[in-house]
Amino acid sequence: MNKVTVIKEIDEMMENYCEGCFVKNQLRKDRGKSGAHRFCIESCTIGEQLHFLGEELLKVYTK
């Protein structure tokens, strides 16, 4: 994968799934910004995919 492809995938996923996410918005109200962010990183399937793409992006930049 090249960096442009990875960045486009990340942007597309964020646009389609994260913007306007009801769960994220509700957790921000209940747990605060860091609590919602922690949920997205650890429990959300989209967050897991974003984490994977971030790792791929790091591989591209370290080559």
C-alpha atoms as a PDB file:
ATOM      1  CA  MET A   1       0.000   0.000   0.000  1.00  0.00           C
ATOM      2  CA  ASN A   2       1.206   3.495  -0.660  1.00  0.00           C
ATOM      3  CA  LYS A   3       0.636   6.435   1.657  1.00  0.00           C
ATOM      4  CA  VAL A   4      -1.959   8.153  -0.549  1.00  0.00           C
ATOM      5  CA  THR A   5      -4.110   5.023  -0.670  1.00  0.00           C
ATOM      6  CA  VAL A   6      -3.919   4.536   3.095  1.00  0.00           C
ATOM      7  CA  ILE A   7      -4.771   8.175   3.825  1.00  0.00           C
ATOM      8  CA  LYS A   8      -7.733   8.053   1.430  1.00  0.00           C
ATOM      9  CA  GLU A   9      -9.023   4.901   3.134  1.00  0.00           C
ATOM     10  CA  ILE A  10      -8.696   6.501   6.562  1.00  0.00           C
ATOM     11  CA  ASP A  11     -10.510   9.648   5.408  1.00  0.00           C
ATOM     12  CA  GLU A  12     -13.275   7.616   3.788  1.00  0.00           C
ATOM     13  CA  MET A  13     -13.820   5.503   6.899  1.00  0.00           C
ATOM     14  CA  MET A  14     -13.850   8.553   9.182  1.00  0.00           C
ATOM     15  CA  GLU A  15     -16.359  10.291   6.910  1.00  0.00           C
ATOM     16  CA  ASN A  16     -18.673   7.311   6.533  1.00  0.00           C
ATOM     17  CA  TYR A  17     -18.627   5.887  10.034  1.00  0.00           C
ATOM     18  CA  CYS A  18     -17.213   8.298  12.620  1.00  0.00           C
ATOM     19  CA  GLU A  19     -18.774  11.623  11.698  1.00  0.00           C
ATOM     20  CA  GLY A  20     -22.170  11.752  13.340  1.00  0.00           C
ATOM     21  CA  CYS A  21     -21.689   8.461  15.198  1.00  0.00           C
ATOM     22  CA  PHE A  22     -24.423   8.239  17.830  1.00  0.00           C
ATOM     23  CA  VAL A  23     -22.356   6.039  20.149  1.00  0.00           C
ATOM     24  CA  LYS A  24     -19.407   8.420  20.082  1.00  0.00           C
ATOM     25  CA  ASN A  25     -21.641  11.441  20.694  1.00  0.00           C
ATOM     26  CA  GLN A  26     -23.414   9.759  23.598  1.00  0.00           C
ATOM     27  CA  LEU A  27     -20.155   8.606  25.170  1.00  0.00           C
ATOM     28  CA  ARG A  28     -18.770  12.143  24.930  1.00  0.00           C
ATOM     29  CA  LYS A  29     -21.732  13.300  26.992  1.00  0.00           C
ATOM     30  CA  ASP A  30     -21.436  10.452  29.502  1.00  0.00           C
ATOM     31  CA  ARG A  31     -17.681   9.901  29.804  1.00  0.00           C
ATOM     32  CA  GLY A  32     -16.151  12.986  28.239  1.00  0.00           C
ATOM     33  CA  LYS A  33     -13.947  13.335  25.200  1.00  0.00           C
ATOM     34  CA  SER A  34     -11.173  11.031  26.434  1.00  0.00           C
ATOM     35  CA  GLY A  35     -13.648   8.321  27.477  1.00  0.00           C
ATOM     36  CA  ALA A  36     -15.281   8.343  24.067  1.00  0.00           C
ATOM     37  CA  HIS A  37     -11.889   8.276  22.385  1.00  0.00           C
ATOM     38  CA  ARG A  38     -10.826   5.305  24.532  1.00  0.00           C
ATOM     39  CA  PHE A  39     -13.977   3.414  23.499  1.00  0.00           C
ATOM     40  CA  CYS A  40     -13.319   4.099  19.819  1.00  0.00           C
ATOM     41  CA  ILE A  41      -9.757   2.822  20.094  1.00  0.00           C
ATOM     42  CA  GLU A  42     -10.427  -0.276  22.201  1.00  0.00           C
ATOM     43  CA  SER A  43     -13.956  -1.451  21.430  1.00  0.00           C
ATOM     44  CA  CYS A  44     -15.193  -0.089  18.120  1.00  0.00           C
ATOM     45  CA  THR A  45     -14.622  -2.269  15.043  1.00  0.00           C
ATOM     46  CA  ILE A  46     -14.087   0.806  12.899  1.00  0.00           C
ATOM     47  CA  GLY A  47     -11.534   2.065  15.418  1.00  0.00           C
ATOM     48  CA  GLU A  48      -9.690  -1.229  15.142  1.00  0.00           C
ATOM     49  CA  GLN A  49      -9.590  -0.902  11.351  1.00  0.00           C
ATOM     50  CA  LEU A  50      -8.376   2.687  11.652  1.00  0.00           C
ATOM     51  CA  HIS A  51      -5.663   1.507  14.029  1.00  0.00           C
ATOM     52  CA  PHE A  52      -4.569  -1.107  11.484  1.00  0.00           C
ATOM     53  CA  LEU A  53      -4.472   1.500   8.701  1.00  0.00           C
ATOM     54  CA  GLY A  54      -2.450   3.799  10.947  1.00  0.00           C
ATOM     55  CA  GLU A  55       0.079   1.015  11.473  1.00  0.00           C
ATOM     56  CA  GLU A  56       0.253   0.509   7.706  1.00  0.00           C
ATOM     57  CA  LEU A  57       0.849   4.214   7.259  1.00  0.00           C
ATOM     58  CA  LEU A  58       3.717   4.081   9.750  1.00  0.00           C
ATOM     59  CA  LYS A  59       5.251   1.218   7.781  1.00  0.00           C
ATOM     60  CA  VAL A  60       5.116   3.317   4.607  1.00  0.00           C
ATOM     61  CA  TYR A  61       6.805   6.288   6.298  1.00  0.00           C
ATOM     62  CA  THR A  62       9.556   4.209   7.902  1.00  0.00           C
ATOM     63  CA  LYS A  63      10.675   2.578   4.651  1.00  0.00           C
END
